[in-house]
């Protein structure tokens, strides 16, 4: 166990050092987040958390001999998505350019891994659902969905980092139970890098000069790392048999995925672009209901942990079909709450009086 924690501690130290080095450069290159009508933080906050996480994980993978041919492609895709994110952070790229970049990353990831999502498991108790060649476009959609799910959940301090840690803790546990030690370590390395980022992201007002944000570079990188692990974990690949079911993968990315889907549906019903920024995410709803930022963060993290725990329980003791039905039911409930955000806000406020 100690041997597996050593890479995690190493990447934590490396990422902390990288953040301290990169912070002064952020202001020099104007890679900072400025307050506006949607962002209420004080001052210009460096957007270098994602760059540090990428470099920290890449260096640590290399130090511990974890870079095989497939991982090289993942790191190349990671470098590309971080570059796109940096451009977006600095110049606010049009959606079509971001989507094109994400599509290229999906193609690179699938071709490099030599694997894609082709088996969805026994979804309907009638035998495994094999996608065949349809698995390739399905995987492209899954990659883009994961990248944007984690990108869109990044709304308050600690939320993206906390959600990411929960996802990778779940992955580390499932890989370890399945005997896949290599990807258990990979998951722990990413957790260590995110913890280093959270140390700076969660700085209070008095320590604001050390505060950093992950930026689009980091949020999209996290989505890429997650979908990489989900493909390896849920499919038969060069690394061996699957470690968990494809349906359980939904619970691993649970709240970011559900929140993204619910928000996109809400925006489409309002005749808006699915990618138009707004203040209709669940953390916004909670804060309008008079919960503090920290209370909202805690509620959402607990919801995410609960969702993951339920998913693991269902996967262990029930059929894949039951897991799918439960996830759909949870999404429908969440969609209803988001669609009726103002009523929910008033209800919570009245209950809290």
Protein backbone atom coordinates (compact mmCIF):
# COMPACT_ATOMS: atom_id res chain seq x y z
CA UNK A 1 0.00 0.00 0.00
CA UNK A 2 2.84 2.40 0.88
CA UNK A 3 4.39 1.76 -2.52
CA UNK A 4 1.17 2.93 -4.19
CA UNK A 5 1.03 6.08 -2.01
CA UNK A 6 4.59 7.11 -2.84
CA UNK A 7 3.72 8.32 -6.37
CA UNK A 8 0.73 10.19 -4.92
CA UNK A 9 2.91 12.05 -2.42
CA UNK A 10 5.54 12.72 -5.10
CA UNK A 11 3.06 14.29 -7.52
CA UNK A 12 1.63 16.41 -4.70
CA UNK A 13 5.05 17.97 -4.03
CA UNK A 14 5.85 18.40 -7.73
CA UNK A 15 2.49 20.06 -8.44
CA UNK A 16 2.85 22.45 -5.48
CA UNK A 17 6.27 23.51 -6.76
CA UNK A 18 4.91 23.95 -10.28
CA UNK A 19 2.04 26.14 -9.06
CA UNK A 20 4.48 28.37 -7.17
CA UNK A 21 6.64 28.67 -10.31
CA UNK A 22 3.74 29.29 -12.70
CA UNK A 23 1.80 31.81 -10.59
CA UNK A 24 4.04 34.82 -11.39
CA UNK A 25 4.02 33.89 -15.09
CA UNK A 26 0.22 33.95 -15.25
CA UNK A 27 0.09 37.71 -14.73
CA UNK A 28 2.90 38.26 -17.23
CA UNK A 29 0.99 36.43 -19.97
CA UNK A 30 -2.45 37.70 -18.84
CA UNK A 31 -3.60 34.16 -18.08
CA UNK A 32 -5.86 35.30 -15.25
CA UNK A 33 -9.55 35.18 -14.39
CA UNK A 34 -11.14 38.59 -14.00
CA UNK A 35 -14.38 39.35 -12.13
CA UNK A 36 -17.49 39.99 -14.25
CA UNK A 37 -21.27 39.70 -13.97
CA UNK A 38 -20.99 35.92 -13.45
CA UNK A 39 -17.78 35.85 -11.39
CA UNK A 40 -17.73 37.49 -7.99
CA UNK A 41 -14.20 36.71 -6.80
CA UNK A 42 -11.82 39.51 -5.84
CA UNK A 43 -8.93 40.48 -8.09
CA UNK A 44 -7.25 38.67 -10.96
CA UNK A 45 -6.73 34.97 -10.17
CA UNK A 46 -4.07 32.98 -12.09
CA UNK A 47 -5.52 30.24 -14.31
CA UNK A 48 -2.59 27.85 -14.02
CA UNK A 49 -3.99 25.02 -11.89
CA UNK A 50 -4.71 22.82 -14.89
CA UNK A 51 -1.28 23.38 -16.42
CA UNK A 52 0.37 22.41 -13.13
CA UNK A 53 -1.80 19.29 -12.80
CA UNK A 54 -0.90 18.19 -16.32
CA UNK A 55 2.83 18.74 -15.88
CA UNK A 56 2.79 17.21 -12.40
CA UNK A 57 1.03 14.04 -13.54
CA UNK A 58 3.11 13.72 -16.72
CA UNK A 59 6.39 14.04 -14.80
CA UNK A 60 5.28 11.58 -12.11
CA UNK A 61 4.06 9.00 -14.63
CA UNK A 62 7.53 9.19 -16.20
CA UNK A 63 9.41 9.06 -12.88
CA UNK A 64 7.66 5.87 -11.83
CA UNK A 65 7.89 4.14 -15.19
CA UNK A 66 4.16 4.27 -15.92
CA UNK A 67 4.42 5.65 -19.46
CA UNK A 68 3.72 2.92 -22.02
CA UNK A 69 2.77 3.50 -25.67
CA UNK A 70 -0.90 4.05 -24.85
CA UNK A 71 -0.13 6.46 -22.00
CA UNK A 72 2.12 8.49 -24.32
CA UNK A 73 -0.89 9.09 -26.55
CA UNK A 74 -3.03 10.04 -23.56
CA UNK A 75 -0.40 12.55 -22.45
CA UNK A 76 -0.18 13.93 -25.98
CA UNK A 77 -3.98 14.31 -26.03
CA UNK A 78 -3.71 15.93 -22.60
CA UNK A 79 -1.14 18.44 -23.83
CA UNK A 80 -3.42 19.32 -26.74
CA UNK A 81 -6.52 19.79 -24.59
CA UNK A 82 -4.53 21.91 -22.10
CA UNK A 83 -3.30 24.07 -24.99
CA UNK A 84 -6.88 24.53 -26.25
CA UNK A 85 -7.97 25.35 -22.71
CA UNK A 86 -5.20 27.93 -22.30
CA UNK A 87 -6.28 29.63 -25.53
CA UNK A 88 -9.88 29.58 -24.33
CA UNK A 89 -8.88 30.98 -20.93
CA UNK A 90 -6.98 33.82 -22.61
CA UNK A 91 -9.09 34.59 -25.70
CA UNK A 92 -12.53 33.05 -24.93
CA UNK A 93 -12.63 30.89 -28.07
CA UNK A 94 -15.87 30.40 -30.02
CA UNK A 95 -17.69 27.17 -29.18
CA UNK A 96 -17.07 25.65 -32.63
CA UNK A 97 -13.30 25.89 -32.18
CA UNK A 98 -13.46 24.27 -28.75
CA UNK A 99 -15.66 21.48 -30.07
CA UNK A 100 -13.36 20.87 -33.04
CA UNK A 101 -10.39 20.63 -30.68
CA UNK A 102 -12.29 18.20 -28.43
CA UNK A 103 -13.23 16.09 -31.44
CA UNK A 104 -9.57 15.86 -32.48
CA UNK A 105 -8.65 14.87 -28.92
CA UNK A 106 -11.32 12.14 -28.99
CA UNK A 107 -9.91 10.81 -32.26
CA UNK A 108 -6.37 10.86 -30.88
CA UNK A 109 -7.40 9.13 -27.67
CA UNK A 110 -9.34 6.33 -29.39
CA UNK A 111 -6.69 5.66 -32.02
CA UNK A 112 -3.88 5.78 -29.47
CA UNK A 113 -5.57 3.47 -26.97
CA UNK A 114 -6.63 1.07 -29.70
CA UNK A 115 -9.87 0.76 -27.73
CA UNK A 116 -13.30 2.31 -27.62
CA UNK A 117 -16.61 1.74 -25.86
CA UNK A 118 -18.02 -1.26 -27.71
CA UNK A 119 -19.66 -3.28 -24.93
CA UNK A 120 -22.30 -1.66 -22.70
CA UNK A 121 -22.90 -4.82 -20.69
CA UNK A 122 -26.18 -6.61 -20.05
CA UNK A 123 -28.29 -3.45 -20.00
CA UNK A 124 -31.69 -5.05 -20.56
CA UNK A 125 -31.16 -8.56 -19.11
CA UNK A 126 -31.07 -9.93 -22.66
CA UNK A 127 -27.31 -10.29 -22.98
CA UNK A 128 -24.47 -7.85 -23.56
CA UNK A 129 -25.20 -4.87 -25.79
CA UNK A 130 -22.43 -4.85 -28.42
CA UNK A 131 -22.10 -1.60 -30.36
CA UNK A 132 -19.68 -2.83 -33.02
CA UNK A 133 -18.47 -0.02 -35.29
CA UNK A 134 -21.08 2.29 -33.72
CA UNK A 135 -18.88 2.19 -30.65
CA UNK A 136 -16.43 4.59 -32.32
CA UNK A 137 -18.80 7.56 -32.71
CA UNK A 138 -20.35 6.62 -29.34
CA UNK A 139 -16.89 6.92 -27.74
CA UNK A 140 -16.27 10.26 -29.43
CA UNK A 141 -19.52 11.54 -27.93
CA UNK A 142 -18.56 10.12 -24.52
CA UNK A 143 -15.15 11.85 -24.63
CA UNK A 144 -16.68 15.21 -25.54
CA UNK A 145 -19.41 14.76 -22.91
CA UNK A 146 -16.89 14.00 -20.14
CA UNK A 147 -14.68 16.94 -21.09
CA UNK A 148 -17.61 19.35 -21.04
CA UNK A 149 -19.25 17.86 -17.93
CA UNK A 150 -16.24 18.69 -15.77
CA UNK A 151 -15.74 21.99 -17.56
CA UNK A 152 -19.31 23.11 -16.85
CA UNK A 153 -19.34 22.04 -13.18
CA UNK A 154 -16.49 24.45 -12.38
CA UNK A 155 -18.45 27.21 -10.67
CA UNK A 156 -17.32 27.70 -7.07
CA UNK A 157 -14.05 27.17 -5.21
CA UNK A 158 -13.36 23.51 -4.52
CA UNK A 159 -16.27 22.13 -6.55
CA UNK A 160 -14.43 20.91 -9.64
CA UNK A 161 -11.47 19.72 -7.57
CA UNK A 162 -13.72 17.98 -5.05
CA UNK A 163 -15.86 16.31 -7.70
CA UNK A 164 -12.72 15.17 -9.49
CA UNK A 165 -11.22 13.67 -6.34
CA UNK A 166 -14.45 11.75 -5.69
CA UNK A 167 -14.45 10.35 -9.25
CA UNK A 168 -10.81 9.25 -9.05
CA UNK A 169 -11.19 7.81 -5.55
CA UNK A 170 -14.02 5.68 -6.95
CA UNK A 171 -11.83 4.66 -9.88
CA UNK A 172 -8.87 3.82 -7.63
CA UNK A 173 -11.10 1.65 -5.43
CA UNK A 174 -12.66 -0.20 -8.37
CA UNK A 175 -9.33 -0.78 -10.13
CA UNK A 176 -7.80 -2.02 -6.87
CA UNK A 177 -10.67 -4.43 -6.23
CA UNK A 178 -10.31 -5.75 -9.78
CA UNK A 179 -6.58 -6.27 -9.28
CA UNK A 180 -5.51 -3.59 -11.78
CA UNK A 181 -2.66 -2.11 -9.76
CA UNK A 182 -1.28 0.00 -12.60
CA UNK A 183 -4.45 2.05 -12.98
CA UNK A 184 -4.96 2.15 -9.24
CA UNK A 185 -1.64 4.00 -9.07
CA UNK A 186 -2.55 6.17 -12.06
CA UNK A 187 -5.74 7.23 -10.28
CA UNK A 188 -3.87 7.99 -7.06
CA UNK A 189 -1.35 10.13 -8.95
CA UNK A 190 -4.13 12.26 -10.42
CA UNK A 191 -5.72 12.56 -6.95
CA UNK A 192 -2.40 13.77 -5.53
CA UNK A 193 -2.08 16.45 -8.22
CA UNK A 194 -5.66 17.65 -7.63
CA UNK A 195 -5.08 17.83 -3.86
CA UNK A 196 -2.07 20.08 -4.50
CA UNK A 197 -4.27 22.35 -6.60
CA UNK A 198 -7.00 22.40 -3.93
CA UNK A 199 -4.52 23.68 -1.33
CA UNK A 200 -4.19 26.87 -3.39
CA UNK A 201 -7.75 26.99 -4.75
CA UNK A 202 -9.28 26.93 -1.27
CA UNK A 203 -7.18 29.81 0.08
CA UNK A 204 -9.24 32.31 2.07
CA UNK A 205 -9.41 36.07 1.52
CA UNK A 206 -6.30 36.74 3.63
CA UNK A 207 -4.29 34.30 1.52
CA UNK A 208 -5.71 35.52 -1.80
CA UNK A 209 -2.30 36.28 -3.28
CA UNK A 210 -1.64 32.51 -3.43
CA UNK A 211 -5.04 31.54 -4.86
CA UNK A 212 -5.27 29.85 -8.26
CA UNK A 213 -8.03 28.54 -10.50
CA UNK A 214 -7.92 25.45 -12.69
CA UNK A 215 -9.18 27.23 -15.78
CA UNK A 216 -10.68 25.57 -18.84
CA UNK A 217 -7.29 23.95 -19.41
CA UNK A 218 -7.65 22.06 -16.14
CA UNK A 219 -11.35 21.27 -16.22
CA UNK A 220 -11.12 19.81 -19.73
CA UNK A 221 -7.98 17.88 -18.79
CA UNK A 222 -9.80 16.32 -15.83
CA UNK A 223 -12.62 15.24 -18.14
CA UNK A 224 -10.09 13.68 -20.51
CA UNK A 225 -8.34 11.81 -17.68
CA UNK A 226 -11.69 10.54 -16.37
CA UNK A 227 -12.89 9.21 -19.72
CA UNK A 228 -9.49 7.58 -20.29
CA UNK A 229 -9.93 5.66 -17.05
CA UNK A 230 -13.56 4.83 -17.81
CA UNK A 231 -12.72 3.34 -21.21
CA UNK A 232 -9.93 1.23 -19.73
CA UNK A 233 -12.04 0.24 -16.73
CA UNK A 234 -15.27 -0.68 -18.50
CA UNK A 235 -13.89 -2.42 -21.60
CA UNK A 236 -11.67 -5.34 -22.56
CA UNK A 237 -8.38 -3.67 -23.58
CA UNK A 238 -4.65 -4.39 -23.84
CA UNK A 239 -4.60 -3.92 -20.06
CA UNK A 240 -6.90 -6.87 -19.50
CA UNK A 241 -10.61 -7.49 -18.82
CA UNK A 242 -12.99 -4.80 -17.63
CA UNK A 243 -12.77 -3.72 -13.98
CA UNK A 244 -16.36 -2.49 -13.65
CA UNK A 245 -19.56 -2.26 -15.68
CA UNK A 246 -20.29 0.46 -18.23
CA UNK A 247 -23.36 1.49 -16.21
CA UNK A 248 -21.25 1.99 -13.08
CA UNK A 249 -19.19 4.44 -15.15
CA UNK A 250 -22.27 6.69 -15.20
CA UNK A 251 -22.26 6.86 -11.39
CA UNK A 252 -18.52 7.62 -11.33
CA UNK A 253 -19.09 10.79 -13.36
CA UNK A 254 -22.58 11.09 -11.85
CA UNK A 255 -23.20 14.65 -10.71
CA UNK A 256 -21.09 16.48 -13.35
CA UNK A 257 -22.79 14.45 -16.09
CA UNK A 258 -26.32 14.85 -14.71
CA UNK A 259 -25.84 18.58 -14.08
CA UNK A 260 -24.53 19.14 -17.63
CA UNK A 261 -27.40 17.20 -19.21
CA UNK A 262 -30.04 18.99 -17.12
CA UNK A 263 -28.58 22.42 -17.89
CA UNK A 264 -28.36 21.72 -21.63
CA UNK A 265 -32.03 20.62 -21.70
CA UNK A 266 -33.07 23.72 -19.72
CA UNK A 267 -31.16 26.02 -22.09
CA UNK A 268 -32.61 24.36 -25.19
CA UNK A 269 -36.12 24.75 -23.80
CA UNK A 270 -35.39 28.46 -23.31
CA UNK A 271 -34.16 28.69 -26.90
CA UNK A 272 -30.57 29.33 -25.84
CA UNK A 273 -27.30 27.79 -26.93
CA UNK A 274 -26.44 24.67 -24.86
CA UNK A 275 -23.05 26.27 -24.18
CA UNK A 276 -24.29 29.72 -23.20
CA UNK A 277 -23.00 30.46 -19.67
CA UNK A 278 -25.68 31.12 -17.07
CA UNK A 279 -26.38 30.86 -13.37
CA UNK A 280 -28.74 27.87 -13.40
CA UNK A 281 -26.40 25.16 -12.13
CA UNK A 282 -27.27 23.45 -8.86
CA UNK A 283 -24.62 25.39 -6.93
CA UNK A 284 -26.26 28.63 -8.11
CA UNK A 285 -29.67 27.34 -7.03
CA UNK A 286 -28.34 26.43 -3.59
CA UNK A 287 -26.69 29.82 -3.12
CA UNK A 288 -29.88 31.61 -4.17
CA UNK A 289 -31.57 29.52 -1.47
CA UNK A 290 -29.41 31.30 1.14
CA UNK A 291 -26.82 28.55 1.52
CA UNK A 292 -23.28 29.89 1.76
CA UNK A 293 -20.67 28.98 -0.83
CA UNK A 294 -19.07 26.48 1.56
CA UNK A 295 -22.44 24.97 2.50
CA UNK A 296 -23.34 24.60 -1.19
CA UNK A 297 -19.97 22.97 -1.84
CA UNK A 298 -20.44 20.51 1.02
CA UNK A 299 -23.98 19.59 -0.09
CA UNK A 300 -22.89 18.89 -3.66
CA UNK A 301 -19.85 16.88 -2.64
CA UNK A 302 -21.97 14.77 -0.30
CA UNK A 303 -24.46 14.23 -3.14
CA UNK A 304 -21.62 13.11 -5.38
CA UNK A 305 -20.26 10.70 -2.76
CA UNK A 306 -23.75 9.31 -2.20
CA UNK A 307 -24.28 8.82 -5.93
CA UNK A 308 -20.98 6.97 -6.30
CA UNK A 309 -21.67 4.82 -3.22
CA UNK A 310 -25.13 3.88 -4.49
CA UNK A 311 -23.65 3.02 -7.88
CA UNK A 312 -21.05 0.69 -6.35
CA UNK A 313 -23.71 -0.92 -4.15
CA UNK A 314 -26.09 -1.49 -7.06
CA UNK A 315 -23.25 -2.83 -9.22
CA UNK A 316 -22.29 -5.29 -6.47
CA UNK A 317 -25.70 -6.62 -5.48
CA UNK A 318 -28.07 -5.92 -8.37
CA UNK A 319 -28.23 -6.26 -12.13
CA UNK A 320 -26.91 -3.73 -14.63
CA UNK A 321 -30.52 -3.12 -15.71
CA UNK A 322 -31.46 -1.97 -12.19
CA UNK A 323 -28.45 0.34 -12.16
CA UNK A 324 -29.47 1.90 -15.46
CA UNK A 325 -33.07 2.42 -14.31
CA UNK A 326 -31.90 4.03 -11.08
CA UNK A 327 -29.53 6.41 -12.87
CA UNK A 328 -32.28 7.46 -15.28
CA UNK A 329 -34.66 8.04 -12.35
CA UNK A 330 -32.05 10.18 -10.56
CA UNK A 331 -31.50 12.22 -13.71
CA UNK A 332 -35.25 12.80 -14.18
CA UNK A 333 -35.56 14.04 -10.58
CA UNK A 334 -32.54 16.32 -11.00
CA UNK A 335 -33.91 17.65 -14.30
CA UNK A 336 -37.22 18.46 -12.61
CA UNK A 337 -35.44 20.37 -9.84
CA UNK A 338 -33.35 22.39 -12.29
CA UNK A 339 -36.36 23.06 -14.52
CA UNK A 340 -38.25 24.38 -11.48
CA UNK A 341 -35.30 26.21 -9.94
CA UNK A 342 -37.24 29.23 -8.66
CA UNK A 343 -39.88 27.11 -6.96
CA UNK A 344 -37.14 25.00 -5.40
CA UNK A 345 -35.35 28.13 -4.21
CA UNK A 346 -38.49 29.50 -2.56
CA UNK A 347 -39.26 26.14 -0.96
CA UNK A 348 -35.79 25.85 0.55
CA UNK A 349 -35.85 29.44 1.78
CA UNK A 350 -39.18 28.90 3.51
CA UNK A 351 -37.96 25.68 5.12
CA UNK A 352 -34.82 27.45 6.40
CA UNK A 353 -36.72 30.33 8.02
